PDB file of all heavy atoms in Angstrom:
ATOM      1  N   LEU A   1     -92.929 -32.651  27.053  1.00  0.00           N
ATOM      2  CA  LEU A   1     -92.415 -33.904  27.528  1.00  0.00           C
ATOM      3  C   LEU A   1     -91.582 -33.755  28.752  1.00  0.00           C
ATOM      4  O   LEU A   1     -91.660 -34.510  29.753  1.00  0.00           O
ATOM      5  CB  LEU A   1     -91.607 -34.517  26.403  1.00  0.00           C
ATOM      6  CG  LEU A   1     -92.252 -35.125  25.195  1.00  0.00           C
ATOM      7  CD1 LEU A   1     -91.326 -35.653  24.178  1.00  0.00           C
ATOM      8  CD2 LEU A   1     -93.279 -36.233  25.554  1.00  0.00           C
ATOM      9  N   LYS A   2     -90.658 -32.752  28.727  1.00  0.00           N
ATOM     10  CA  LYS A   2     -89.836 -32.425  29.882  1.00  0.00           C
ATOM     11  C   LYS A   2     -90.618 -32.104  31.140  1.00  0.00           C
ATOM     12  O   LYS A   2     -90.298 -32.625  32.222  1.00  0.00           O
ATOM     13  CB  LYS A   2     -88.895 -31.329  29.494  1.00  0.00           C
ATOM     14  CG  LYS A   2     -87.601 -31.254  30.328  1.00  0.00           C
ATOM     15  CD  LYS A   2     -86.619 -32.385  29.840  1.00  0.00           C
ATOM     16  CE  LYS A   2     -85.848 -32.799  31.103  1.00  0.00           C
ATOM     17  NZ  LYS A   2     -85.571 -34.258  31.095  1.00  0.00           N
ATOM     18  N   ASN A   3     -91.676 -31.304  30.939  1.00  0.00           N
ATOM     19  CA  ASN A   3     -92.544 -30.872  32.065  1.00  0.00           C
ATOM     20  C   ASN A   3     -93.255 -32.096  32.634  1.00  0.00           C
ATOM     21  O   ASN A   3     -93.570 -32.179  33.823  1.00  0.00           O
ATOM     22  CB  ASN A   3     -93.548 -29.784  31.625  1.00  0.00           C
ATOM     23  CG  ASN A   3     -92.839 -28.509  31.413  1.00  0.00           C
ATOM     24  OD1 ASN A   3     -91.692 -28.265  31.865  1.00  0.00           O
ATOM     25  ND2 ASN A   3     -93.505 -27.549  30.781  1.00  0.00           N
ATOM     26  N   GLU A   4     -93.468 -33.087  31.849  1.00  0.00           N
ATOM     27  CA  GLU A   4     -94.157 -34.338  32.287  1.00  0.00           C
ATOM     28  C   GLU A   4     -93.219 -35.283  32.986  1.00  0.00           C
ATOM     29  O   GLU A   4     -93.594 -36.401  33.374  1.00  0.00           O
ATOM     30  CB  GLU A   4     -94.832 -35.090  31.101  1.00  0.00           C
ATOM     31  CG  GLU A   4     -95.898 -34.180  30.332  1.00  0.00           C
ATOM     32  CD  GLU A   4     -97.282 -34.684  30.689  1.00  0.00           C
ATOM     33  OE1 GLU A   4     -97.460 -35.647  31.459  1.00  0.00           O
ATOM     34  OE2 GLU A   4     -98.224 -34.103  30.108  1.00  0.00           O
ATOM     35  N   GLY A   5     -91.903 -34.910  32.912  1.00  0.00           N
ATOM     36  CA  GLY A   5     -90.889 -35.734  33.612  1.00  0.00           C
ATOM     37  C   GLY A   5     -90.217 -36.778  32.815  1.00  0.00           C
ATOM     38  O   GLY A   5     -89.564 -37.716  33.327  1.00  0.00           O
ATOM     39  N   PHE A   6     -90.355 -36.710  31.478  1.00  0.00           N
ATOM     40  CA  PHE A   6     -89.723 -37.714  30.645  1.00  0.00           C
ATOM     41  C   PHE A   6     -88.258 -37.224  30.345  1.00  0.00           C
ATOM     42  O   PHE A   6     -87.995 -36.019  30.256  1.00  0.00           O
ATOM     43  CB  PHE A   6     -90.464 -37.835  29.277  1.00  0.00           C
ATOM     44  CG  PHE A   6     -91.794 -38.515  29.358  1.00  0.00           C
ATOM     45  CD1 PHE A   6     -92.959 -37.774  29.475  1.00  0.00           C
ATOM     46  CD2 PHE A   6     -91.827 -39.920  29.452  1.00  0.00           C
ATOM     47  CE1 PHE A   6     -94.156 -38.395  29.529  1.00  0.00           C
ATOM     48  CE2 PHE A   6     -93.058 -40.578  29.604  1.00  0.00           C
ATOM     49  CZ  PHE A   6     -94.229 -39.805  29.575  1.00  0.00           C
ATOM     50  N   ALA A   7     -87.410 -38.237  30.109  1.00  0.00           N
ATOM     51  CA  ALA A   7     -86.049 -37.906  29.602  1.00  0.00           C
ATOM     52  C   ALA A   7     -86.209 -37.950  28.062  1.00  0.00           C
ATOM     53  O   ALA A   7     -86.944 -38.789  27.542  1.00  0.00           O
ATOM     54  CB  ALA A   7     -85.041 -38.961  30.023  1.00  0.00           C
ATOM     55  N   VAL A   8     -85.651 -37.012  27.316  1.00  0.00           N
ATOM     56  CA  VAL A   8     -85.914 -36.827  25.939  1.00  0.00           C
ATOM     57  C   VAL A   8     -84.603 -36.832  25.093  1.00  0.00           C
ATOM     58  O   VAL A   8     -83.672 -36.182  25.466  1.00  0.00           O
ATOM     59  CB  VAL A   8     -86.637 -35.551  25.607  1.00  0.00           C
ATOM     60  CG1 VAL A   8     -87.130 -35.550  24.131  1.00  0.00           C
ATOM     61  CG2 VAL A   8     -87.856 -35.368  26.538  1.00  0.00           C
ATOM     62  N   LYS A   9     -84.554 -37.703  24.089  1.00  0.00           N
ATOM     63  CA  LYS A   9     -83.390 -37.766  23.151  1.00  0.00           C
ATOM     64  C   LYS A   9     -83.987 -37.415  21.737  1.00  0.00           C
ATOM     65  O   LYS A   9     -85.151 -37.739  21.401  1.00  0.00           O
ATOM     66  CB  LYS A   9     -82.856 -39.131  23.050  1.00  0.00           C
ATOM     67  CG  LYS A   9     -81.832 -39.373  21.968  1.00  0.00           C
ATOM     68  CD  LYS A   9     -81.276 -40.736  21.949  1.00  0.00           C
ATOM     69  CE  LYS A   9     -80.292 -40.991  20.819  1.00  0.00           C
ATOM     70  NZ  LYS A   9     -80.925 -41.754  19.706  1.00  0.00           N
ATOM     71  N   LEU A  10     -83.235 -36.553  21.072  1.00  0.00           N
ATOM     72  CA  LEU A  10     -83.583 -36.265  19.693  1.00  0.00           C
ATOM     73  C   LEU A  10     -82.511 -36.706  18.675  1.00  0.00           C
ATOM     74  O   LEU A  10     -81.330 -36.534  18.887  1.00  0.00           O
ATOM     75  CB  LEU A  10     -83.658 -34.651  19.581  1.00  0.00           C
ATOM     76  CG  LEU A  10     -83.969 -34.089  18.313  1.00  0.00           C
ATOM     77  CD1 LEU A  10     -85.441 -34.327  17.876  1.00  0.00           C
ATOM     78  CD2 LEU A  10     -83.735 -32.583  18.295  1.00  0.00           C
ATOM     79  N   ASP A  11     -82.999 -37.289  17.620  1.00  0.00           N
ATOM     80  CA  ASP A  11     -82.148 -37.722  16.499  1.00  0.00           C
ATOM     81  C   ASP A  11     -82.338 -36.611  15.464  1.00  0.00           C
ATOM     82  O   ASP A  11     -83.413 -36.253  15.032  1.00  0.00           O
ATOM     83  CB  ASP A  11     -82.588 -38.957  15.909  1.00  0.00           C
ATOM     84  CG  ASP A  11     -82.325 -40.181  16.826  1.00  0.00           C
ATOM     85  OD1 ASP A  11     -81.605 -40.042  17.866  1.00  0.00           O
ATOM     86  OD2 ASP A  11     -82.972 -41.200  16.538  1.00  0.00           O
ATOM     87  N   THR A  12     -81.260 -36.083  14.941  1.00  0.00           N
ATOM     88  CA  THR A  12     -81.299 -35.031  13.929  1.00  0.00           C
ATOM     89  C   THR A  12     -80.165 -35.110  12.870  1.00  0.00           C
ATOM     90  O   THR A  12     -79.117 -35.621  13.152  1.00  0.00           O
ATOM     91  CB  THR A  12     -81.350 -33.669  14.554  1.00  0.00           C
ATOM     92  OG1 THR A  12     -81.447 -32.589  13.596  1.00  0.00           O
ATOM     93  CG2 THR A  12     -80.033 -33.435  15.380  1.00  0.00           C
ATOM     94  N   ASN A  13     -80.468 -34.460  11.634  1.00  0.00           N
ATOM     95  CA  ASN A  13     -79.416 -34.360  10.703  1.00  0.00           C
ATOM     96  C   ASN A  13     -78.648 -33.029  10.759  1.00  0.00           C
ATOM     97  O   ASN A  13     -77.751 -32.753  10.022  1.00  0.00           O
ATOM     98  CB  ASN A  13     -79.951 -34.659   9.194  1.00  0.00           C
ATOM     99  CG  ASN A  13     -80.998 -33.642   8.835  1.00  0.00           C
ATOM    100  OD1 ASN A  13     -81.024 -32.450   9.260  1.00  0.00           O
ATOM    101  ND2 ASN A  13     -81.942 -34.067   7.962  1.00  0.00           N
ATOM    102  N   GLY A  14     -79.139 -32.162  11.663  1.00  0.00           N
ATOM    103  CA  GLY A  14     -78.333 -30.917  11.986  1.00  0.00           C
ATOM    104  C   GLY A  14     -78.613 -29.763  11.016  1.00  0.00           C
ATOM    105  O   GLY A  14     -77.867 -28.790  11.118  1.00  0.00           O
ATOM    106  N   PHE A  15     -79.629 -29.866  10.064  1.00  0.00           N
ATOM    107  CA  PHE A  15     -79.764 -28.760   9.154  1.00  0.00           C
ATOM    108  C   PHE A  15     -80.673 -27.598   9.629  1.00  0.00           C
ATOM    109  O   PHE A  15     -80.892 -26.736   8.807  1.00  0.00           O
ATOM    110  CB  PHE A  15     -80.228 -29.343   7.875  1.00  0.00           C
ATOM    111  CG  PHE A  15     -79.073 -29.882   7.024  1.00  0.00           C
ATOM    112  CD1 PHE A  15     -78.651 -31.178   7.210  1.00  0.00           C
ATOM    113  CD2 PHE A  15     -78.461 -29.141   6.007  1.00  0.00           C
ATOM    114  CE1 PHE A  15     -77.547 -31.697   6.503  1.00  0.00           C
ATOM    115  CE2 PHE A  15     -77.395 -29.659   5.341  1.00  0.00           C
ATOM    116  CZ  PHE A  15     -76.929 -30.926   5.503  1.00  0.00           C
ATOM    117  N   PHE A  16     -81.183 -27.769  10.863  1.00  0.00           N
ATOM    118  CA  PHE A  16     -82.064 -26.652  11.312  1.00  0.00           C
ATOM    119  C   PHE A  16     -81.598 -26.241  12.730  1.00  0.00           C
ATOM    120  O   PHE A  16     -82.276 -26.484  13.726  1.00  0.00           O
ATOM    121  CB  PHE A  16     -83.555 -27.102  11.354  1.00  0.00           C
ATOM    122  CG  PHE A  16     -84.020 -27.476   9.973  1.00  0.00           C
ATOM    123  CD1 PHE A  16     -83.873 -28.801   9.415  1.00  0.00           C
ATOM    124  CD2 PHE A  16     -84.631 -26.539   9.165  1.00  0.00           C
ATOM    125  CE1 PHE A  16     -84.200 -29.097   8.159  1.00  0.00           C
ATOM    126  CE2 PHE A  16     -85.050 -26.824   7.834  1.00  0.00           C
ATOM    127  CZ  PHE A  16     -84.820 -28.044   7.350  1.00  0.00           C
ATOM    128  N   PRO A  17     -80.425 -25.666  12.771  1.00  0.00           N
ATOM    129  CA  PRO A  17     -79.849 -25.243  14.110  1.00  0.00           C
ATOM    130  C   PRO A  17     -80.676 -24.334  14.932  1.00  0.00           C
ATOM    131  O   PRO A  17     -80.682 -24.463  16.159  1.00  0.00           O
ATOM    132  CB  PRO A  17     -78.472 -24.592  13.739  1.00  0.00           C
ATOM    133  CG  PRO A  17     -78.517 -24.272  12.372  1.00  0.00           C
ATOM    134  CD  PRO A  17     -79.541 -25.245  11.648  1.00  0.00           C
ATOM    135  N   LYS A  18     -81.444 -23.429  14.321  1.00  0.00           N
ATOM    136  CA  LYS A  18     -82.223 -22.524  15.098  1.00  0.00           C
ATOM    137  C   LYS A  18     -83.342 -23.199  15.844  1.00  0.00           C
ATOM    138  O   LYS A  18     -83.539 -22.910  17.036  1.00  0.00           O
ATOM    139  CB  LYS A  18     -82.818 -21.409  14.157  1.00  0.00           C
ATOM    140  CG  LYS A  18     -81.892 -20.395  13.659  1.00  0.00           C
ATOM    141  CD  LYS A  18     -82.463 -19.246  12.901  1.00  0.00           C
ATOM    142  CE  LYS A  18     -81.594 -18.110  12.605  1.00  0.00           C
ATOM    143  NZ  LYS A  18     -80.726 -18.596  11.482  1.00  0.00           N
ATOM    144  N   ASN A  19     -83.978 -24.106  15.222  1.00  0.00           N
ATOM    145  CA  ASN A  19     -85.103 -24.949  15.851  1.00  0.00           C
ATOM    146  C   ASN A  19     -84.451 -25.802  16.946  1.00  0.00           C
ATOM    147  O   ASN A  19     -84.918 -26.011  18.012  1.00  0.00           O
ATOM    148  CB  ASN A  19     -85.792 -25.776  14.765  1.00  0.00           C
ATOM    149  CG  ASN A  19     -87.167 -26.152  15.252  1.00  0.00           C
ATOM    150  OD1 ASN A  19     -87.582 -25.766  16.296  1.00  0.00           O
ATOM    151  ND2 ASN A  19     -87.916 -26.952  14.426  1.00  0.00           N
ATOM    152  N   LEU A  20     -83.271 -26.487  16.586  1.00  0.00           N
ATOM    153  CA  LEU A  20     -82.596 -27.300  17.522  1.00  0.00           C
ATOM    154  C   LEU A  20     -82.251 -26.531  18.861  1.00  0.00           C
ATOM    155  O   LEU A  20     -82.364 -27.056  19.951  1.00  0.00           O
ATOM    156  CB  LEU A  20     -81.356 -27.997  17.022  1.00  0.00           C
ATOM    157  CG  LEU A  20     -80.595 -28.800  17.954  1.00  0.00           C
ATOM    158  CD1 LEU A  20     -81.301 -30.022  18.469  1.00  0.00           C
ATOM    159  CD2 LEU A  20     -79.312 -29.361  17.193  1.00  0.00           C
ATOM    160  N   GLU A  21     -81.788 -25.370  18.623  1.00  0.00           N
ATOM    161  CA  GLU A  21     -81.286 -24.554  19.722  1.00  0.00           C
ATOM    162  C   GLU A  21     -82.453 -24.223  20.726  1.00  0.00           C
ATOM    163  O   GLU A  21     -82.252 -24.242  21.921  1.00  0.00           O
ATOM    164  CB  GLU A  21     -80.769 -23.180  19.149  1.00  0.00           C
ATOM    165  CG  GLU A  21     -80.052 -22.398  20.250  1.00  0.00           C
ATOM    166  CD  GLU A  21     -79.263 -21.169  19.647  1.00  0.00           C
ATOM    167  OE1 GLU A  21     -79.655 -20.749  18.495  1.00  0.00           O
ATOM    168  OE2 GLU A  21     -78.368 -20.658  20.266  1.00  0.00           O
ATOM    169  N   GLN A  22     -83.680 -24.007  20.122  1.00  0.00           N
ATOM    170  CA  GLN A  22     -84.793 -23.863  21.076  1.00  0.00           C
ATOM    171  C   GLN A  22     -85.194 -25.111  21.807  1.00  0.00           C
ATOM    172  O   GLN A  22     -85.828 -25.053  22.885  1.00  0.00           O
ATOM    173  CB  GLN A  22     -86.065 -23.407  20.186  1.00  0.00           C
ATOM    174  CG  GLN A  22     -85.870 -22.087  19.633  1.00  0.00           C
ATOM    175  CD  GLN A  22     -87.051 -21.659  18.766  1.00  0.00           C
ATOM    176  OE1 GLN A  22     -87.546 -22.442  17.958  1.00  0.00           O
ATOM    177  NE2 GLN A  22     -87.566 -20.429  18.920  1.00  0.00           N
ATOM    178  N   CYS A  23     -84.841 -26.267  21.229  1.00  0.00           N
ATOM    179  CA  CYS A  23     -85.177 -27.578  22.006  1.00  0.00           C
ATOM    180  C   CYS A  23     -84.120 -27.929  22.998  1.00  0.00           C
ATOM    181  O   CYS A  23     -84.521 -28.614  24.009  1.00  0.00           O
ATOM    182  CB  CYS A  23     -85.117 -28.683  20.882  1.00  0.00           C
ATOM    183  SG  CYS A  23     -86.409 -28.660  19.673  1.00  0.00           S
ATOM    184  N   LEU A  24     -82.817 -27.445  22.863  1.00  0.00           N
ATOM    185  CA  LEU A  24     -81.834 -27.898  23.746  1.00  0.00           C
ATOM    186  C   LEU A  24     -81.997 -27.816  25.235  1.00  0.00           C
ATOM    187  O   LEU A  24     -81.652 -28.720  25.974  1.00  0.00           O
ATOM    188  CB  LEU A  24     -80.438 -27.156  23.337  1.00  0.00           C
ATOM    189  CG  LEU A  24     -79.766 -27.654  22.055  1.00  0.00           C
ATOM    190  CD1 LEU A  24     -78.539 -26.878  21.841  1.00  0.00           C
ATOM    191  CD2 LEU A  24     -79.410 -29.170  22.139  1.00  0.00           C
ATOM    192  N   PRO A  25     -82.667 -26.764  25.765  1.00  0.00           N
ATOM    193  CA  PRO A  25     -82.927 -26.705  27.197  1.00  0.00           C
ATOM    194  C   PRO A  25     -83.692 -27.885  27.695  1.00  0.00           C
ATOM    195  O   PRO A  25     -83.659 -28.118  28.915  1.00  0.00           O
ATOM    196  CB  PRO A  25     -83.644 -25.344  27.360  1.00  0.00           C
ATOM    197  CG  PRO A  25     -83.367 -24.550  26.173  1.00  0.00           C
ATOM    198  CD  PRO A  25     -83.187 -25.531  25.084  1.00  0.00           C
ATOM    199  N   TYR A  26     -84.500 -28.548  26.872  1.00  0.00           N
ATOM    200  CA  TYR A  26     -85.401 -29.568  27.365  1.00  0.00           C
ATOM    201  C   TYR A  26     -84.930 -30.954  26.883  1.00  0.00           C
ATOM    202  O   TYR A  26     -85.559 -31.977  27.125  1.00  0.00           O
ATOM    203  CB  TYR A  26     -86.796 -29.336  26.766  1.00  0.00           C
ATOM    204  CG  TYR A  26     -87.274 -27.928  26.868  1.00  0.00           C
ATOM    205  CD1 TYR A  26     -87.361 -27.116  25.734  1.00  0.00           C
ATOM    206  CD2 TYR A  26     -87.438 -27.364  28.121  1.00  0.00           C
ATOM    207  CE1 TYR A  26     -87.684 -25.734  25.871  1.00  0.00           C
ATOM    208  CE2 TYR A  26     -87.776 -26.023  28.232  1.00  0.00           C
ATOM    209  CZ  TYR A  26     -87.972 -25.221  27.140  1.00  0.00           C
ATOM    210  OH  TYR A  26     -88.323 -23.973  27.257  1.00  0.00           O
ATOM    211  N   LEU A  27     -83.771 -31.024  26.261  1.00  0.00           N
ATOM    212  CA  LEU A  27     -83.237 -32.290  25.843  1.00  0.00           C
ATOM    213  C   LEU A  27     -82.202 -32.868  26.730  1.00  0.00           C
ATOM    214  O   LEU A  27     -81.365 -32.164  27.278  1.00  0.00           O
ATOM    215  CB  LEU A  27     -82.622 -32.164  24.405  1.00  0.00           C
ATOM    216  CG  LEU A  27     -83.644 -31.815  23.266  1.00  0.00           C
ATOM    217  CD1 LEU A  27     -82.858 -31.599  21.913  1.00  0.00           C
ATOM    218  CD2 LEU A  27     -84.646 -32.984  23.000  1.00  0.00           C
ATOM    219  N   ASP A  28     -82.210 -34.215  26.916  1.00  0.00           N
ATOM    220  CA  ASP A  28     -81.144 -34.905  27.658  1.00  0.00           C
ATOM    221  C   ASP A  28     -80.082 -35.512  26.798  1.00  0.00           C
ATOM    222  O   ASP A  28     -78.995 -35.628  27.291  1.00  0.00           O
ATOM    223  CB  ASP A  28     -81.867 -36.087  28.421  1.00  0.00           C
ATOM    224  CG  ASP A  28     -82.908 -35.581  29.389  1.00  0.00           C
ATOM    225  OD1 ASP A  28     -82.502 -35.179  30.531  1.00  0.00           O
ATOM    226  OD2 ASP A  28     -84.085 -35.463  29.046  1.00  0.00           O
ATOM    227  N   TYR A  29     -80.329 -35.652  25.549  1.00  0.00           N
ATOM    228  CA  TYR A  29     -79.352 -36.271  24.631  1.00  0.00           C
ATOM    229  C   TYR A  29     -79.720 -35.920  23.188  1.00  0.00           C
ATOM    230  O   TYR A  29     -80.877 -36.009  22.872  1.00  0.00           O
ATOM    231  CB  TYR A  29     -79.423 -37.855  24.845  1.00  0.00           C
ATOM    232  CG  TYR A  29     -78.187 -38.551  24.361  1.00  0.00           C
ATOM    233  CD1 TYR A  29     -77.116 -38.810  25.257  1.00  0.00           C
ATOM    234  CD2 TYR A  29     -78.056 -39.034  23.033  1.00  0.00           C
ATOM    235  CE1 TYR A  29     -76.001 -39.448  24.934  1.00  0.00           C
ATOM    236  CE2 TYR A  29     -76.828 -39.688  22.628  1.00  0.00           C
ATOM    237  CZ  TYR A  29     -75.866 -39.936  23.589  1.00  0.00           C
ATOM    238  OH  TYR A  29     -74.699 -40.607  23.204  1.00  0.00           O
ATOM    239  N   VAL A  30     -78.707 -35.660  22.413  1.00  0.00           N
ATOM    240  CA  VAL A  30     -78.843 -35.389  21.024  1.00  0.00           C
ATOM    241  C   VAL A  30     -77.989 -36.326  20.204  1.00  0.00           C
ATOM    242  O   VAL A  30     -76.805 -36.451  20.647  1.00  0.00           O
ATOM    243  CB  VAL A  30     -78.570 -33.929  20.580  1.00  0.00           C
ATOM    244  CG1 VAL A  30     -78.633 -33.731  19.053  1.00  0.00           C
ATOM    245  CG2 VAL A  30     -79.497 -32.944  21.384  1.00  0.00           C
TER     246      VAL A  30
END
């Protein structure tokens, strides 16, 4: 999504920090 030029927001309950950490470089808002 980021490579396509979209701004990306993720909604999460926070129970999978390792997966979230891998996403963070490409997220604009959590």
